[in-house]
C-alpha atoms as a PDB file:
ATOM      1  CA  MET A   1     -32.683   4.792   2.826  1.00  0.00           C
ATOM      2  CA  LYS A   2     -30.539   3.303   5.440  1.00  0.00           C
ATOM      3  CA  LEU A   3     -27.195   1.659   3.672  1.00  0.00           C
ATOM      4  CA  LEU A   4     -26.884   1.922  -0.434  1.00  0.00           C
ATOM      5  CA  VAL A   5     -23.919  -0.952  -0.999  1.00  0.00           C
ATOM      6  CA  VAL A   6     -21.981   0.597  -4.521  1.00  0.00           C
ATOM      7  CA  ILE A   7     -20.361  -1.920  -6.534  1.00  0.00           C
ATOM      8  CA  ALA A   8     -18.122  -1.140  -9.761  1.00  0.00           C
ATOM      9  CA  ASN A   9     -17.425  -4.183 -12.042  1.00  0.00           C
ATOM     10  CA  TYR A  10     -14.525  -3.963 -14.518  1.00  0.00           C
ATOM     11  CA  ARG A  11     -13.633  -7.455 -16.381  1.00  0.00           C
ATOM     12  CA  VAL A  12     -14.694  -9.380 -13.172  1.00  0.00           C
ATOM     13  CA  THR A  13     -18.209 -10.188 -13.528  1.00  0.00           C
ATOM     14  CA  HIS A  14     -18.113 -13.994 -12.291  1.00  0.00           C
ATOM     15  CA  LEU A  15     -16.690 -12.221  -9.247  1.00  0.00           C
ATOM     16  CA  THR A  16     -19.213  -9.729  -8.765  1.00  0.00           C
ATOM     17  CA  ILE A  17     -22.453 -12.017  -8.717  1.00  0.00           C
ATOM     18  CA  ASP A  18     -20.373 -14.074  -6.008  1.00  0.00           C
ATOM     19  CA  CYS A  19     -20.409 -10.975  -4.456  1.00  0.00           C
ATOM     20  CA  LEU A  20     -23.818 -10.419  -4.634  1.00  0.00           C
ATOM     21  CA  ARG A  21     -25.081 -13.740  -4.139  1.00  0.00           C
ATOM     22  CA  SER A  22     -22.815 -12.717  -0.180  1.00  0.00           C
ATOM     23  CA  ILE A  23     -24.700 -10.099   0.466  1.00  0.00           C
ATOM     24  CA  SER A  24     -28.057 -12.190  -0.524  1.00  0.00           C
ATOM     25  CA  LYS A  25     -27.144 -13.863   2.800  1.00  0.00           C
ATOM     26  CA  GLU A  26     -27.108 -10.595   4.915  1.00  0.00           C
ATOM     27  CA  ILE A  27     -29.311  -7.810   2.995  1.00  0.00           C
ATOM     28  CA  GLU A  28     -32.182  -8.732   4.892  1.00  0.00           C
ATOM     29  CA  SER A  29     -30.500  -8.301   8.273  1.00  0.00           C
ATOM     30  CA  GLU A  30     -29.874  -4.559   6.923  1.00  0.00           C
ATOM     31  CA  PRO A  31     -33.331  -3.617   5.964  1.00  0.00           C
ATOM     32  CA  ASP A  32     -33.762  -0.557   4.428  1.00  0.00           C
ATOM     33  CA  SER A  33     -30.759  -1.250   2.692  1.00  0.00           C
ATOM     34  CA  HIS A  34     -30.360  -1.273  -1.472  1.00  0.00           C
ATOM     35  CA  VAL A  35     -26.982  -2.499  -3.488  1.00  0.00           C
ATOM     36  CA  ALA A  36     -26.376  -0.802  -6.936  1.00  0.00           C
ATOM     37  CA  VAL A  37     -24.339  -2.445  -8.953  1.00  0.00           C
ATOM     38  CA  CYS A  38     -21.862  -0.136 -11.841  1.00  0.00           C
ATOM     39  CA  GLU A  39     -20.533  -2.265 -14.785  1.00  0.00           C
ATOM     40  CA  ASN A  40     -18.487  -0.267 -15.124  1.00  0.00           C
ATOM     41  CA  GLY A  41     -17.001  -0.649 -19.417  1.00  0.00           C
ATOM     42  CA  THR A  42     -16.531  -4.099 -19.306  1.00  0.00           C
ATOM     43  CA  GLY A  43     -18.441  -4.913 -22.536  1.00  0.00           C
ATOM     44  CA  ASP A  44     -19.713  -8.189 -23.985  1.00  0.00           C
ATOM     45  CA  ASP A  45     -22.274  -9.557 -22.813  1.00  0.00           C
ATOM     46  CA  ALA A  46     -20.588  -8.459 -18.360  1.00  0.00           C
ATOM     47  CA  ALA A  47     -24.017  -6.650 -18.135  1.00  0.00           C
ATOM     48  CA  GLU A  48     -26.543  -9.158 -18.909  1.00  0.00           C
ATOM     49  CA  GLN A  49     -24.959 -11.550 -17.329  1.00  0.00           C
ATOM     50  CA  ILE A  50     -25.353  -9.869 -13.978  1.00  0.00           C
ATOM     51  CA  GLN A  51     -28.987  -8.296 -15.153  1.00  0.00           C
ATOM     52  CA  LYS A  52     -29.685 -12.235 -15.264  1.00  0.00           C
ATOM     53  CA  ALA A  53     -28.318 -13.521 -12.408  1.00  0.00           C
ATOM     54  CA  ILE A  54     -30.049 -10.526 -10.541  1.00  0.00           C
ATOM     55  CA  ILE A  55     -33.429 -11.725 -11.782  1.00  0.00           C
ATOM     56  CA  LYS A  56     -32.952 -15.682 -11.880  1.00  0.00           C
ATOM     57  CA  ASN A  57     -31.902 -14.981  -7.786  1.00  0.00           C
ATOM     58  CA  GLY A  58     -34.541 -12.972  -7.116  1.00  0.00           C
ATOM     59  CA  TRP A  59     -31.946 -10.042  -5.692  1.00  0.00           C
ATOM     60  CA  SER A  60     -34.488  -8.012  -7.962  1.00  0.00           C
ATOM     61  CA  SER A  61     -35.696  -6.598  -4.960  1.00  0.00           C
ATOM     62  CA  TRP A  62     -32.696  -5.399  -3.221  1.00  0.00           C
ATOM     63  CA  CYS A  63     -30.596  -4.723  -6.516  1.00  0.00           C
ATOM     64  CA  THR A  64     -30.263  -2.797  -9.414  1.00  0.00           C
ATOM     65  CA  LEU A  65     -27.429  -2.244 -12.541  1.00  0.00           C
ATOM     66  CA  THR A  66     -25.975   0.555 -14.234  1.00  0.00           C
ATOM     67  CA  VAL A  67     -24.512   0.344 -17.137  1.00  0.00           C
ATOM     68  CA  VAL A  68     -21.612   3.033 -18.498  1.00  0.00           C
ATOM     69  CA  ASP A  69     -20.311   2.330 -22.207  1.00  0.00           C
ATOM     70  CA  ARG A  70     -16.853   2.656 -21.431  1.00  0.00           C
ATOM     71  CA  ASN A  71     -14.281   2.131 -18.277  1.00  0.00           C
ATOM     72  CA  LEU A  72     -14.260   5.213 -15.837  1.00  0.00           C
ATOM     73  CA  GLY A  73     -11.794   3.521 -13.943  1.00  0.00           C
ATOM     74  CA  PHE A  74     -12.393   2.980  -9.766  1.00  0.00           C
ATOM     75  CA  THR A  75     -13.531   6.382  -9.202  1.00  0.00           C
ATOM     76  CA  GLY A  76     -15.883   7.203 -12.197  1.00  0.00           C
ATOM     77  CA  GLY A  77     -17.590   4.016 -11.900  1.00  0.00           C
ATOM     78  CA  ASN A  78     -18.972   4.450  -8.376  1.00  0.00           C
ATOM     79  CA  ASN A  79     -19.608   7.877  -8.674  1.00  0.00           C
ATOM     80  CA  VAL A  80     -21.874   7.349 -11.497  1.00  0.00           C
ATOM     81  CA  ILE A  81     -24.127   5.999  -7.991  1.00  0.00           C
ATOM     82  CA  LEU A  82     -23.023   8.452  -5.542  1.00  0.00           C
ATOM     83  CA  ARG A  83     -24.287  11.211  -7.668  1.00  0.00           C
ATOM     84  CA  SER A  84     -27.177   9.794  -8.325  1.00  0.00           C
ATOM     85  CA  ALA A  85     -27.943   8.507  -4.796  1.00  0.00           C
ATOM     86  CA  LEU A  86     -27.243  11.764  -3.522  1.00  0.00           C
ATOM     87  CA  ARG A  87     -29.850  13.870  -5.959  1.00  0.00           C
ATOM     88  CA  SER A  88     -32.326  10.984  -5.134  1.00  0.00           C
ATOM     89  CA  LYS A  89     -35.035  12.071  -2.854  1.00  0.00           C
ATOM     90  CA  ASP A  90     -34.465   9.547  -0.226  1.00  0.00           C
ATOM     91  CA  PRO A  91     -30.059   9.684  -0.328  1.00  0.00           C
ATOM     92  CA  PRO A  92     -28.698   7.144   1.938  1.00  0.00           C
ATOM     93  CA  GLU A  93     -27.570   7.855   5.196  1.00  0.00           C
ATOM     94  CA  TYR A  94     -24.700   5.663   4.891  1.00  0.00           C
ATOM     95  CA  VAL A  95     -22.603   4.717   1.553  1.00  0.00           C
ATOM     96  CA  PHE A  96     -20.844   1.354   1.497  1.00  0.00           C
ATOM     97  CA  LEU A  97     -18.468   1.155  -0.863  1.00  0.00           C
ATOM     98  CA  LEU A  98     -17.497  -2.902  -1.539  1.00  0.00           C
ATOM     99  CA  ASN A  99     -15.312  -3.827  -4.568  1.00  0.00           C
ATOM    100  CA  ALA A 100     -16.501  -6.215  -6.972  1.00  0.00           C
ATOM    101  CA  ASP A 101     -13.505  -8.775  -5.856  1.00  0.00           C
ATOM    102  CA  THR A 102     -14.861  -9.218  -1.928  1.00  0.00           C
ATOM    103  CA  LEU A 103     -17.437 -11.978  -0.498  1.00  0.00           C
ATOM    104  CA  VAL A 104     -18.774 -10.516   2.471  1.00  0.00           C
ATOM    105  CA  ARG A 105     -18.517 -12.233   5.811  1.00  0.00           C
ATOM    106  CA  PRO A 106     -21.684 -12.668   7.863  1.00  0.00           C
ATOM    107  CA  GLY A 107     -22.152  -9.505   9.810  1.00  0.00           C
ATOM    108  CA  ALA A 108     -20.007  -7.902   8.351  1.00  0.00           C
ATOM    109  CA  LEU A 109     -22.827  -5.614   6.968  1.00  0.00           C
ATOM    110  CA  LYS A 110     -24.795  -4.856  10.324  1.00  0.00           C
ATOM    111  CA  ALA A 111     -21.631  -4.416  12.379  1.00  0.00           C
ATOM    112  CA  LEU A 112     -20.231  -1.345  10.495  1.00  0.00           C
ATOM    113  CA  VAL A 113     -23.469   0.175  10.206  1.00  0.00           C
ATOM    114  CA  GLU A 114     -24.124  -0.059  14.179  1.00  0.00           C
ATOM    115  CA  PHE A 115     -20.684   1.013  14.559  1.00  0.00           C
ATOM    116  CA  MET A 116     -21.162   3.967  12.270  1.00  0.00           C
ATOM    117  CA  ASP A 117     -25.021   4.144  14.600  1.00  0.00           C
ATOM    118  CA  ARG A 118     -23.149   4.413  18.006  1.00  0.00           C
ATOM    119  CA  ASN A 119     -20.186   6.796  16.603  1.00  0.00           C
ATOM    120  CA  PRO A 120     -21.601   9.841  14.787  1.00  0.00           C
ATOM    121  CA  LYS A 121     -18.570  12.015  14.552  1.00  0.00           C
ATOM    122  CA  VAL A 122     -17.160   9.134  12.949  1.00  0.00           C
ATOM    123  CA  GLY A 123     -17.097   9.988   9.323  1.00  0.00           C
ATOM    124  CA  VAL A 124     -16.006   6.718   7.767  1.00  0.00           C
ATOM    125  CA  ALA A 125     -14.887   3.226   8.337  1.00  0.00           C
ATOM    126  CA  GLY A 126     -12.805   0.351   7.034  1.00  0.00           C
ATOM    127  CA  SER A 127     -14.022  -3.957   7.689  1.00  0.00           C
ATOM    128  CA  ALA A 128     -11.079  -6.310   8.437  1.00  0.00           C
ATOM    129  CA  GLN A 129      -9.922  -8.478   5.026  1.00  0.00           C
ATOM    130  CA  GLU A 130      -9.078 -10.792   4.658  1.00  0.00           C
ATOM    131  CA  PHE A 131      -6.987 -13.347   1.494  1.00  0.00           C
ATOM    132  CA  PRO A 132      -9.319 -16.445   0.411  1.00  0.00           C
ATOM    133  CA  ASP A 133      -7.690 -18.702   2.723  1.00  0.00           C
ATOM    134  CA  GLY A 134      -8.448 -16.805   5.605  1.00  0.00           C
ATOM    135  CA  THR A 135      -5.455 -14.960   6.124  1.00  0.00           C
ATOM    136  CA  PRO A 136      -5.459 -11.782   7.368  1.00  0.00           C
ATOM    137  CA  GLN A 137      -4.774  -8.903   4.569  1.00  0.00           C
ATOM    138  CA  ARG A 138      -3.502  -5.154   6.188  1.00  0.00           C
ATOM    139  CA  SER A 139      -6.607  -2.643   5.979  1.00  0.00           C
ATOM    140  CA  ALA A 140      -6.265  -0.636   8.689  1.00  0.00           C
ATOM    141  CA  PHE A 141      -3.266   2.619   7.334  1.00  0.00           C
ATOM    142  CA  ARG A 142      -1.245   5.610   8.598  1.00  0.00           C
ATOM    143  CA  PHE A 143      -0.571   8.136   6.090  1.00  0.00           C
ATOM    144  CA  HIS A 144       2.204   7.795   2.981  1.00  0.00           C
ATOM    145  CA  THR A 145       5.320   9.961   4.765  1.00  0.00           C
ATOM    146  CA  PRO A 146       8.620  10.549   3.109  1.00  0.00           C
ATOM    147  CA  LEU A 147      10.039   8.520   6.197  1.00  0.00           C
ATOM    148  CA  SER A 148       7.326   5.798   5.040  1.00  0.00           C
ATOM    149  CA  GLU A 149       8.149   6.014   2.187  1.00  0.00           C
ATOM    150  CA  PHE A 150      11.838   4.996   2.005  1.00  0.00           C
ATOM    151  CA  GLU A 151      10.929   2.355   5.523  1.00  0.00           C
ATOM    152  CA  GLY A 152       8.470   0.537   3.588  1.00  0.00           C
ATOM    153  CA  ASN A 153      10.695  -0.058   0.075  1.00  0.00           C
ATOM    154  CA  LEU A 154      13.634  -0.700   1.553  1.00  0.00           C
ATOM    155  CA  ARG A 155      12.137  -3.486   3.890  1.00  0.00           C
ATOM    156  CA  PHE A 156      15.251  -3.637   6.388  1.00  0.00           C
ATOM    157  CA  GLY A 157      14.212  -4.813  10.231  1.00  0.00           C
ATOM    158  CA  PRO A 158      16.219  -2.576  12.084  1.00  0.00           C
ATOM    159  CA  VAL A 159      15.280   0.856  10.253  1.00  0.00           C
ATOM    160  CA  SER A 160      11.919  -0.293  10.013  1.00  0.00           C
ATOM    161  CA  ARG A 161      11.890  -0.932  14.079  1.00  0.00           C
ATOM    162  CA  LEU A 162      13.132   2.507  14.262  1.00  0.00           C
ATOM    163  CA  LEU A 163      10.654   4.006  11.877  1.00  0.00           C
ATOM    164  CA  LYS A 164       7.747   2.150  13.390  1.00  0.00           C
ATOM    165  CA  ASN A 165       5.834   5.155  14.261  1.00  0.00           C
ATOM    166  CA  TRP A 166       6.145   5.819  10.774  1.00  0.00           C
ATOM    167  CA  VAL A 167       4.963   2.003   8.730  1.00  0.00           C
ATOM    168  CA  VAL A 168       1.757   2.550   6.443  1.00  0.00           C
ATOM    169  CA  ALA A 169       0.724  -0.845   7.354  1.00  0.00           C
ATOM    170  CA  PRO A 170       1.004  -1.490  11.260  1.00  0.00           C
ATOM    171  CA  LEU A 171       0.132  -4.681  12.595  1.00  0.00           C
ATOM    172  CA  MET A 172      -4.041  -4.571  12.555  1.00  0.00           C
ATOM    173  CA  PRO A 173      -5.304  -4.573  16.596  1.00  0.00           C
ATOM    174  CA  ASP A 174      -8.064  -6.572  17.274  1.00  0.00           C
ATOM    175  CA  LEU A 175     -10.111  -3.498  18.647  1.00  0.00           C
ATOM    176  CA  SER A 176     -11.935  -0.535  16.286  1.00  0.00           C
ATOM    177  CA  CYS A 177      -9.928   2.440  16.611  1.00  0.00           C
ATOM    178  CA  GLU A 178      -8.947   5.222  14.864  1.00  0.00           C
ATOM    179  CA  ILE A 179      -6.634   5.070  11.798  1.00  0.00           C
ATOM    180  CA  GLY A 180      -5.213   6.976   8.835  1.00  0.00           C
ATOM    181  CA  TRP A 181      -7.291   5.593   5.750  1.00  0.00           C
ATOM    182  CA  THR A 182      -8.912   2.532   5.045  1.00  0.00           C
ATOM    183  CA  SER A 183      -8.959   0.699   1.579  1.00  0.00           C
ATOM    184  CA  GLY A 184     -11.686   1.200  -0.716  1.00  0.00           C
ATOM    185  CA  ALA A 185     -12.495  -2.115  -1.060  1.00  0.00           C
ATOM    186  CA  SER A 186     -14.841  -2.160   1.817  1.00  0.00           C
ATOM    187  CA  MET A 187     -15.514   1.523   3.282  1.00  0.00           C
ATOM    188  CA  ILE A 188     -18.443   2.391   4.351  1.00  0.00           C
ATOM    189  CA  ILE A 189     -19.018   6.682   4.651  1.00  0.00           C
ATOM    190  CA  ARG A 190     -21.196   9.203   6.127  1.00  0.00           C
ATOM    191  CA  ARG A 191     -23.835  10.832   4.008  1.00  0.00           C
ATOM    192  CA  GLU A 192     -22.969  14.160   5.283  1.00  0.00           C
ATOM    193  CA  VAL A 193     -19.234  13.493   4.584  1.00  0.00           C
ATOM    194  CA  LEU A 194     -19.467  13.473   0.574  1.00  0.00           C
ATOM    195  CA  GLN A 195     -21.885  16.039   0.931  1.00  0.00           C
ATOM    196  CA  GLY A 196     -19.348  18.052   2.858  1.00  0.00           C
ATOM    197  CA  ILE A 197     -16.931  17.434   0.445  1.00  0.00           C
ATOM    198  CA  GLY A 198     -17.497  15.706  -2.408  1.00  0.00           C
ATOM    199  CA  VAL A 199     -17.625  12.119  -3.911  1.00  0.00           C
ATOM    200  CA  LEU A 200     -13.961  10.726  -5.061  1.00  0.00           C
ATOM    201  CA  ASP A 201     -11.782  12.465  -6.971  1.00  0.00           C
ATOM    202  CA  GLU A 202     -11.866  11.024 -11.126  1.00  0.00           C
ATOM    203  CA  ALA A 203      -8.702  12.972 -11.840  1.00  0.00           C
ATOM    204  CA  TYR A 204      -7.128   9.734  -9.658  1.00  0.00           C
ATOM    205  CA  TYR A 205      -8.640   7.163 -12.510  1.00  0.00           C
ATOM    206  CA  THR A 206      -7.601   4.034  -9.811  1.00  0.00           C
ATOM    207  CA  HIS A 207      -5.829   4.119  -6.682  1.00  0.00           C
ATOM    208  CA  PHE A 208      -4.694   6.167  -4.134  1.00  0.00           C
ATOM    209  CA  GLU A 209      -8.241   7.762  -4.186  1.00  0.00           C
ATOM    210  CA  ASP A 210      -9.728   6.322  -1.078  1.00  0.00           C
ATOM    211  CA  ILE A 211      -5.985   7.346   0.887  1.00  0.00           C
ATOM    212  CA  ASP A 212      -7.020  11.198  -0.910  1.00  0.00           C
ATOM    213  CA  PHE A 213     -10.616  10.354   0.283  1.00  0.00           C
ATOM    214  CA  CYS A 214      -9.465   9.537   4.230  1.00  0.00           C
ATOM    215  CA  PHE A 215      -7.136  12.214   4.299  1.00  0.00           C
ATOM    216  CA  ASN A 216      -9.894  15.404   3.079  1.00  0.00           C
ATOM    217  CA  ALA A 217     -12.890  13.916   5.188  1.00  0.00           C
ATOM    218  CA  ARG A 218      -9.841  14.328   8.568  1.00  0.00           C
ATOM    219  CA  LYS A 219      -9.246  17.856   7.008  1.00  0.00           C
ATOM    220  CA  ALA A 220     -12.792  18.292   7.150  1.00  0.00           C
ATOM    221  CA  GLY A 221     -13.208  17.016  11.288  1.00  0.00           C
ATOM    222  CA  TRP A 222     -14.732  13.329  10.233  1.00  0.00           C
ATOM    223  CA  PRO A 223     -12.003  10.338  11.714  1.00  0.00           C
ATOM    224  CA  THR A 224     -12.003   7.285  10.054  1.00  0.00           C
ATOM    225  CA  TRP A 225     -12.369   3.886  11.834  1.00  0.00           C
ATOM    226  CA  TYR A 226     -10.872   0.008  11.378  1.00  0.00           C
ATOM    227  CA  VAL A 227     -14.135  -1.714  12.804  1.00  0.00           C
ATOM    228  CA  PRO A 228     -12.841  -5.587  12.898  1.00  0.00           C
ATOM    229  CA  LEU A 229     -15.532  -7.570  13.367  1.00  0.00           C
ATOM    230  CA  SER A 230     -16.909  -6.782   9.998  1.00  0.00           C
ATOM    231  CA  ARG A 231     -14.570  -9.034   7.556  1.00  0.00           C
ATOM    232  CA  ILE A 232     -14.523  -9.420   4.007  1.00  0.00           C
ATOM    233  CA  VAL A 233     -12.801 -11.493   2.044  1.00  0.00           C
ATOM    234  CA  HIS A 234     -10.548  -9.860  -0.701  1.00  0.00           C
ATOM    235  CA  PHE A 235      -9.505 -11.686  -4.036  1.00  0.00           C
ATOM    236  CA  ALA A 236      -7.336  -8.387  -4.468  1.00  0.00           C
ATOM    237  CA  GLY A 237      -5.904  -6.808  -7.560  1.00  0.00           C
ATOM    238  CA  GLN A 238      -8.678  -8.909 -10.051  1.00  0.00           C
ATOM    239  CA  SER A 239      -9.649  -5.907 -12.293  1.00  0.00           C
ATOM    240  CA  THR A 240      -5.898  -4.462 -11.720  1.00  0.00           C
ATOM    241  CA  GLY A 241      -3.153  -7.340 -12.111  1.00  0.00           C
ATOM    242  CA  ILE A 242      -1.640  -5.492  -8.803  1.00  0.00           C
ATOM    243  CA  THR A 243      -1.532  -7.592  -5.953  1.00  0.00           C
ATOM    244  CA  VAL A 244       0.606  -7.907  -3.171  1.00  0.00           C
ATOM    245  CA  ARG A 245       1.513 -11.710  -3.167  1.00  0.00           C
ATOM    246  CA  TYR A 246       2.205 -11.771  -7.050  1.00  0.00           C
ATOM    247  CA  PRO A 247       3.388  -8.222  -7.971  1.00  0.00           C
ATOM    248  CA  LYS A 248       3.725  -7.403 -11.711  1.00  0.00           C
ATOM    249  CA  ARG A 249       5.350  -4.683 -13.417  1.00  0.00           C
ATOM    250  CA  TYR A 250       3.152  -1.153 -11.867  1.00  0.00           C
ATOM    251  CA  PRO A 251       1.141   0.386 -14.615  1.00  0.00           C
ATOM    252  CA  SER A 252       2.295   4.588 -15.479  1.00  0.00           C
ATOM    253  CA  TYR A 253      -1.932   5.406 -13.723  1.00  0.00           C
ATOM    254  CA  TYR A 254      -0.454   4.222 -10.413  1.00  0.00           C
ATOM    255  CA  PHE A 255       3.085   6.511 -10.372  1.00  0.00           C
ATOM    256  CA  GLU A 256       0.734   8.891 -11.893  1.00  0.00           C
ATOM    257  CA  ALA A 257      -1.876   8.692  -9.151  1.00  0.00           C
ATOM    258  CA  ARG A 258       0.647   8.414  -6.333  1.00  0.00           C
ATOM    259  CA  ARG A 259       2.161  11.543  -7.832  1.00  0.00           C
ATOM    260  CA  ARG A 260      -1.264  13.200  -7.583  1.00  0.00           C
ATOM    261  CA  TYR A 261      -1.554  12.253  -3.800  1.00  0.00           C
ATOM    262  CA  PHE A 262       1.180  13.818  -2.938  1.00  0.00           C
ATOM    263  CA  LEU A 263       1.184  16.996  -4.796  1.00  0.00           C
ATOM    264  CA  LYS A 264      -2.930  17.786  -4.580  1.00  0.00           C
ATOM    265  CA  ASN A 265      -2.545  17.036  -0.308  1.00  0.00           C
ATOM    266  CA  HIS A 266       0.972  18.312   0.678  1.00  0.00           C
ATOM    267  CA  SER A 267       3.152  21.026  -1.024  1.00  0.00           C
ATOM    268  CA  ALA A 268       5.940  20.039  -3.942  1.00  0.00           C
ATOM    269  CA  ALA A 269       8.872  19.700  -1.722  1.00  0.00           C
ATOM    270  CA  TYR A 270       6.945  17.248   0.628  1.00  0.00           C
ATOM    271  CA  ALA A 271       6.389  15.264  -3.187  1.00  0.00           C
ATOM    272  CA  ALA A 272       9.862  15.392  -3.473  1.00  0.00           C
ATOM    273  CA  LEU A 273      10.825  14.034  -0.049  1.00  0.00           C
ATOM    274  CA  ALA A 274       8.271  10.728  -0.554  1.00  0.00           C
ATOM    275  CA  ASP A 275       9.792  10.189  -4.114  1.00  0.00           C
ATOM    276  CA  ALA A 276      13.632  10.748  -2.682  1.00  0.00           C
ATOM    277  CA  GLY A 277      13.158   8.013  -0.248  1.00  0.00           C
ATOM    278  CA  MET A 278      11.160   6.067  -2.145  1.00  0.00           C
ATOM    279  CA  ILE A 279      14.238   5.828  -4.785  1.00  0.00           C
ATOM    280  CA  ILE A 280      16.418   6.147  -2.087  1.00  0.00           C
ATOM    281  CA  GLY A 281      15.086   2.960  -0.583  1.00  0.00           C
ATOM    282  CA  LEU A 282      14.604   0.831  -3.218  1.00  0.00           C
ATOM    283  CA  ALA A 283      17.691   1.307  -4.369  1.00  0.00           C
ATOM    284  CA  LEU A 284      19.631   0.185  -1.243  1.00  0.00           C
ATOM    285  CA  TYR A 285      16.898  -2.726  -1.113  1.00  0.00           C
ATOM    286  CA  ARG A 286      18.126  -4.091  -4.414  1.00  0.00           C
ATOM    287  CA  LEU A 287      22.155  -3.462  -2.943  1.00  0.00           C
ATOM    288  CA  ARG A 288      21.386  -5.730  -0.323  1.00  0.00           C
ATOM    289  CA  VAL A 289      19.232  -8.083  -2.835  1.00  0.00           C
ATOM    290  CA  LYS A 290      22.673  -8.025  -5.115  1.00  0.00           C
ATOM    291  CA  LEU A 291      25.019  -8.609  -2.314  1.00  0.00           C
ATOM    292  CA  THR A 292      22.706 -11.478  -0.293  1.00  0.00           C
ATOM    293  CA  GLY A 293      21.953 -13.313  -3.258  1.00  0.00           C
ATOM    294  CA  SER A 294      18.322 -13.361  -1.792  1.00  0.00           C
ATOM    295  CA  ALA A 295      15.857 -12.887  -3.587  1.00  0.00           C
ATOM    296  CA  ASP A 296      13.572  -9.853  -5.064  1.00  0.00           C
ATOM    297  CA  SER A 297      10.087  -9.378  -4.029  1.00  0.00           C
ATOM    298  CA  THR A 298       9.844  -6.053  -5.758  1.00  0.00           C
ATOM    299  CA  ALA A 299       7.905  -6.192  -8.828  1.00  0.00           C
ATOM    300  CA  PRO A 300       9.489  -5.802 -11.755  1.00  0.00           C
ATOM    301  CA  LEU A 301      11.501  -2.346 -13.110  1.00  0.00           C
ATOM    302  CA  LEU A 302       9.948  -0.874  -9.678  1.00  0.00           C
ATOM    303  CA  LEU A 303      13.086   1.401  -8.990  1.00  0.00           C
ATOM    304  CA  ARG A 304      12.990   2.544 -12.659  1.00  0.00           C
ATOM    305  CA  ASP A 305       9.649   2.962 -13.309  1.00  0.00           C
ATOM    306  CA  SER A 306       9.428   5.175  -9.870  1.00  0.00           C
ATOM    307  CA  ILE A 307      12.289   7.141 -11.566  1.00  0.00           C
ATOM    308  CA  ARG A 308      10.590   7.687 -14.370  1.00  0.00           C
ATOM    309  CA  HIS A 309       7.666   9.050 -12.671  1.00  0.00           C
ATOM    310  CA  SER A 310       8.812  10.845  -9.970  1.00  0.00           C
ATOM    311  CA  VAL A 311       8.774  14.340  -9.877  1.00  0.00           C
ATOM    312  CA  PHE A 312      12.276  15.313 -10.515  1.00  0.00           C
ATOM    313  CA  VAL A 313      11.450  14.063 -14.091  1.00  0.00           C
ATOM    314  CA  THR A 314       7.895  15.161 -15.008  1.00  0.00           C
ATOM    315  CA  GLY A 315       7.732  17.715 -12.950  1.00  0.00           C
ATOM    316  CA  PHE A 316       5.515  19.488 -10.138  1.00  0.00           C
ATOM    317  CA  VAL A 317       2.185  20.557 -12.240  1.00  0.00           C
ATOM    318  CA  LEU A 318      -1.015  19.106 -11.063  1.00  0.00           C
ATOM    319  CA  ARG A 319      -2.059  17.092 -13.662  1.00  0.00           C
ATOM    320  CA  GLU A 320      -4.709  14.164 -13.778  1.00  0.00           C
ATOM    321  CA  VAL A 321      -4.388  10.281 -13.996  1.00  0.00           C
ATOM    322  CA  ARG A 322      -4.686   9.628 -17.709  1.00  0.00           C
ATOM    323  CA  ASN A 323      -6.946   6.908 -18.412  1.00  0.00           C
ATOM    324  CA  PRO A 324      -5.326   3.792 -20.076  1.00  0.00           C
ATOM    325  CA  LEU A 325      -7.957   2.694 -22.120  1.00  0.00           C
ATOM    326  CA  LEU A 326      -8.854   6.029 -23.955  1.00  0.00           C
ATOM    327  CA  ASP A 327      -7.031   7.456 -26.321  1.00  0.00           C
ATOM    328  CA  ASN A 328      -5.911  10.858 -26.999  1.00  0.00           C
ATOM    329  CA  PHE A 329      -9.384  12.045 -28.200  1.00  0.00           C
ATOM    330  CA  GLY A 330     -11.311  10.398 -25.408  1.00  0.00           C
ATOM    331  CA  ARG A 331     -12.215   6.863 -27.176  1.00  0.00           C
ATOM    332  CA  ASN A 332     -12.333   3.808 -25.943  1.00  0.00           C
ATOM    333  CA  LYS A 333      -9.270   1.782 -27.493  1.00  0.00           C
END
């Protein structure tokens, strides 16, 4: 198989069907391709709706549905498909992780596959993402550092200009280029990368798994690139509720995933510096908001939650992120 597109659906069934509809217009341009949907524990009649749409629209020749009975997070839902595909007699040359809350623009799949074919030393590549109104979303990133945590939370122009080389989400270039990491909402991965470093780390549940994957791919010699010729629309945060434009209070599993990323891939001291950078940056931002009377655009209780979930309070033991939908006995809530 040339290309396997993997979509994990959780509580966005109507968007998943719209995503498949957008792919249906592109799949013919990529022969020997397949789309695999994991209904990731939504329940109700979600699986029935998706299967009905597949049959009704004549998508059965290129799309299959796998159903799991409980939500496994972004990582687990995708891994259900990935593990099966890698064990098959015809494993895909490329795997394209695609969020359910996306729409594929014309030529998006073709652009990614052609780029990977031309650049055999690239392990991972990501699309340009945009909001439904066409406004660009940041989708080409540098890796997080203590300085980037300070800059990103302080949000102060002179400091951002001083630390411009550490900004996590810089202005996106117009041409393909190497980056640190790309969003798992639209990420193509070479099979050899998955065979070498493994599938997504399910201990993350959701959030930071894409950063972790690109970080470990780079350690193994597989860089990540940004391919702006491939464009997708991303209705960000539809499953989690975490959005850039309209922030809600971040759930505990976001902070747990962030903490895991730093402790897993760096040292305890580095994780402490990253937490200190975030807390000091947020504290100074809040002070500036109070002194100037300007609007606070951060998520509710972000400073308090950042302190509560920091390594200074929770310690330095590497832990799995708790699945918020399971009780202490591993059962669905």
